[in-house]
Amino acid sequence: MIARTWAGATQAADADAYLNYLHATGLAAYRTTPGNRGVLALRRVRGDRAEFLLLTLWESEDAIRRFAGDDIGRAVFYAEDDRFLVARDEHVDHYEVVFRAEAPTS
């Protein structure tokens, strides 16, 4: 399994609107791409900025290509990203998942 990370930031005042936008674009695309094994969207507000970190899990590089295209190291952007993002990674990082555990449910 491969973990893919991307980071970006908005103005703090746009944090909720951008999260709603993510649900309609990238988060929806991740979930519907064959081979996607999950996504975490993390957010923290620091001063006047909201920082976002997206972590997706993929079964293979081929699965990532189904989402990102041939250049899997390049970030994927959507039409309204320029409206929201004040900082963004143009490239993503990939990591081999060497351990994964979920907390037991009661």
C-alpha atoms as a PDB file:
ATOM      1  CA  MET A   1       0.000   0.000   0.000  1.00  0.00           C
ATOM      2  CA  ILE A   2       1.135   3.556  -0.765  1.00  0.00           C
ATOM      3  CA  ALA A   3       0.360   6.711   1.215  1.00  0.00           C
ATOM      4  CA  ARG A   4       0.202   9.963  -0.761  1.00  0.00           C
ATOM      5  CA  THR A   5       0.372  13.346   0.981  1.00  0.00           C
ATOM      6  CA  TRP A   6      -0.429  16.868  -0.155  1.00  0.00           C
ATOM      7  CA  ALA A   7      -0.518  20.145   1.796  1.00  0.00           C
ATOM      8  CA  GLY A   8      -2.072  23.526   1.168  1.00  0.00           C
ATOM      9  CA  ALA A   9      -3.368  26.540   3.062  1.00  0.00           C
ATOM     10  CA  THR A  10      -6.258  28.992   2.899  1.00  0.00           C
ATOM     11  CA  GLN A  11      -7.114  32.125   4.803  1.00  0.00           C
ATOM     12  CA  ALA A  12      -8.562  31.032   8.161  1.00  0.00           C
ATOM     13  CA  ALA A  13     -11.877  32.690   7.237  1.00  0.00           C
ATOM     14  CA  ASP A  14     -12.131  30.363   4.192  1.00  0.00           C
ATOM     15  CA  ALA A  15     -11.414  27.125   6.087  1.00  0.00           C
ATOM     16  CA  ASP A  16     -14.992  25.792   6.189  1.00  0.00           C
ATOM     17  CA  ALA A  17     -15.805  26.894   2.638  1.00  0.00           C
ATOM     18  CA  TYR A  18     -12.641  25.204   1.344  1.00  0.00           C
ATOM     19  CA  LEU A  19     -13.449  22.004   3.230  1.00  0.00           C
ATOM     20  CA  ASN A  20     -16.895  21.978   1.598  1.00  0.00           C
ATOM     21  CA  TYR A  21     -15.210  22.540  -1.755  1.00  0.00           C
ATOM     22  CA  LEU A  22     -12.808  19.642  -1.067  1.00  0.00           C
ATOM     23  CA  HIS A  23     -15.778  17.360  -0.387  1.00  0.00           C
ATOM     24  CA  ALA A  24     -17.173  18.227  -3.819  1.00  0.00           C
ATOM     25  CA  THR A  25     -13.864  17.847  -5.678  1.00  0.00           C
ATOM     26  CA  GLY A  26     -10.749  16.027  -4.479  1.00  0.00           C
ATOM     27  CA  LEU A  27     -12.228  14.030  -1.612  1.00  0.00           C
ATOM     28  CA  ALA A  28     -15.042  12.788  -3.868  1.00  0.00           C
ATOM     29  CA  ALA A  29     -12.552  11.927  -6.620  1.00  0.00           C
ATOM     30  CA  TYR A  30     -10.359   9.964  -4.221  1.00  0.00           C
ATOM     31  CA  ARG A  31     -13.253   7.889  -2.932  1.00  0.00           C
ATOM     32  CA  THR A  32     -14.521   6.995  -6.399  1.00  0.00           C
ATOM     33  CA  THR A  33     -11.145   6.047  -7.898  1.00  0.00           C
ATOM     34  CA  PRO A  34     -10.649   2.279  -8.069  1.00  0.00           C
ATOM     35  CA  GLY A  35      -7.740   1.283  -5.846  1.00  0.00           C
ATOM     36  CA  ASN A  36      -8.198   4.064  -3.307  1.00  0.00           C
ATOM     37  CA  ARG A  37      -8.098   2.596   0.203  1.00  0.00           C
ATOM     38  CA  GLY A  38      -8.985   5.666   2.232  1.00  0.00           C
ATOM     39  CA  VAL A  39      -8.434   9.343   2.822  1.00  0.00           C
ATOM     40  CA  LEU A  40      -7.768  11.569   5.825  1.00  0.00           C
ATOM     41  CA  ALA A  41      -8.232  15.329   5.601  1.00  0.00           C
ATOM     42  CA  LEU A  42      -6.453  17.145   8.418  1.00  0.00           C
ATOM     43  CA  ARG A  43      -6.813  20.838   9.246  1.00  0.00           C
ATOM     44  CA  ARG A  44      -5.291  23.237  11.739  1.00  0.00           C
ATOM     45  CA  VAL A  45      -5.710  26.971  12.058  1.00  0.00           C
ATOM     46  CA  ARG A  46      -2.582  28.983  12.801  1.00  0.00           C
ATOM     47  CA  GLY A  47      -3.154  32.698  13.031  1.00  0.00           C
ATOM     48  CA  ASP A  48      -4.854  33.895   9.867  1.00  0.00           C
ATOM     49  CA  ARG A  49      -4.234  30.659   7.915  1.00  0.00           C
ATOM     50  CA  ALA A  50      -5.877  27.263   7.829  1.00  0.00           C
ATOM     51  CA  GLU A  51      -3.424  24.513   6.886  1.00  0.00           C
ATOM     52  CA  PHE A  52      -4.713  21.358   5.225  1.00  0.00           C
ATOM     53  CA  LEU A  53      -2.915  18.030   4.956  1.00  0.00           C
ATOM     54  CA  LEU A  54      -4.490  15.325   2.815  1.00  0.00           C
ATOM     55  CA  LEU A  55      -3.315  11.745   3.231  1.00  0.00           C
ATOM     56  CA  THR A  56      -4.648   9.135   0.838  1.00  0.00           C
ATOM     57  CA  LEU A  57      -4.022   5.411   0.759  1.00  0.00           C
ATOM     58  CA  TRP A  58      -3.670   3.511  -2.506  1.00  0.00           C
ATOM     59  CA  GLU A  59      -3.280  -0.138  -3.396  1.00  0.00           C
ATOM     60  CA  SER A  60      -0.644   0.564  -6.080  1.00  0.00           C
ATOM     61  CA  GLU A  61       1.008   3.171  -8.302  1.00  0.00           C
ATOM     62  CA  ASP A  62      -1.415   2.141 -11.054  1.00  0.00           C
ATOM     63  CA  ALA A  63      -4.292   3.107  -8.758  1.00  0.00           C
ATOM     64  CA  ILE A  64      -2.655   6.496  -8.158  1.00  0.00           C
ATOM     65  CA  ARG A  65      -2.315   6.961 -11.947  1.00  0.00           C
ATOM     66  CA  ARG A  66      -6.064   6.403 -12.310  1.00  0.00           C
ATOM     67  CA  PHE A  67      -6.518   9.472 -10.098  1.00  0.00           C
ATOM     68  CA  ALA A  68      -3.504  11.670 -10.901  1.00  0.00           C
ATOM     69  CA  GLY A  69      -2.475  10.724 -14.437  1.00  0.00           C
ATOM     70  CA  ASP A  70       0.926   9.551 -15.594  1.00  0.00           C
ATOM     71  CA  ASP A  71       2.968  11.980 -13.465  1.00  0.00           C
ATOM     72  CA  ILE A  72       1.990  10.706 -10.026  1.00  0.00           C
ATOM     73  CA  GLY A  73       4.363  13.150  -8.342  1.00  0.00           C
ATOM     74  CA  ARG A  74       2.378  16.157  -9.536  1.00  0.00           C
ATOM     75  CA  ALA A  75      -0.469  17.500  -7.410  1.00  0.00           C
ATOM     76  CA  VAL A  76      -3.990  17.518  -8.840  1.00  0.00           C
ATOM     77  CA  PHE A  77      -5.847  20.845  -8.777  1.00  0.00           C
ATOM     78  CA  TYR A  78      -9.421  21.885  -9.507  1.00  0.00           C
ATOM     79  CA  ALA A  79     -11.063  24.931 -11.094  1.00  0.00           C
ATOM     80  CA  GLU A  80     -11.668  26.962  -7.929  1.00  0.00           C
ATOM     81  CA  ASP A  81      -8.413  26.149  -6.105  1.00  0.00           C
ATOM     82  CA  ASP A  82      -6.918  29.545  -6.987  1.00  0.00           C
ATOM     83  CA  ARG A  83      -9.874  31.223  -5.266  1.00  0.00           C
ATOM     84  CA  PHE A  84      -9.083  29.511  -1.949  1.00  0.00           C
ATOM     85  CA  LEU A  85      -5.424  28.529  -1.738  1.00  0.00           C
ATOM     86  CA  VAL A  86      -2.832  31.005  -0.478  1.00  0.00           C
ATOM     87  CA  ALA A  87      -0.132  28.290  -0.367  1.00  0.00           C
ATOM     88  CA  ARG A  88       0.068  24.839  -1.920  1.00  0.00           C
ATOM     89  CA  ASP A  89       2.399  22.005  -2.689  1.00  0.00           C
ATOM     90  CA  GLU A  90       2.757  21.602  -6.459  1.00  0.00           C
ATOM     91  CA  HIS A  91       4.050  18.079  -5.909  1.00  0.00           C
ATOM     92  CA  VAL A  92       3.020  15.273  -3.604  1.00  0.00           C
ATOM     93  CA  ASP A  93       4.988  12.794  -1.549  1.00  0.00           C
ATOM     94  CA  HIS A  94       4.561   9.032  -1.577  1.00  0.00           C
ATOM     95  CA  TYR A  95       5.420   6.609   1.208  1.00  0.00           C
ATOM     96  CA  GLU A  96       5.317   2.847   1.443  1.00  0.00           C
ATOM     97  CA  VAL A  97       2.923   1.873   4.201  1.00  0.00           C
ATOM     98  CA  VAL A  98       4.896  -0.531   6.376  1.00  0.00           C
ATOM     99  CA  PHE A  99       2.407  -0.781   9.252  1.00  0.00           C
ATOM    100  CA  ARG A 100      -1.265  -0.017   9.661  1.00  0.00           C
ATOM    101  CA  ALA A 101      -3.569  -0.685  12.604  1.00  0.00           C
ATOM    102  CA  GLU A 102      -6.976   0.557  13.592  1.00  0.00           C
ATOM    103  CA  ALA A 103      -8.163   0.916  17.136  1.00  0.00           C
ATOM    104  CA  PRO A 104     -10.465  -1.888  18.269  1.00  0.00           C
ATOM    105  CA  THR A 105     -14.145  -1.029  18.473  1.00  0.00           C
ATOM    106  CA  SER A 106     -16.077  -1.747  21.622  1.00  0.00           C
END
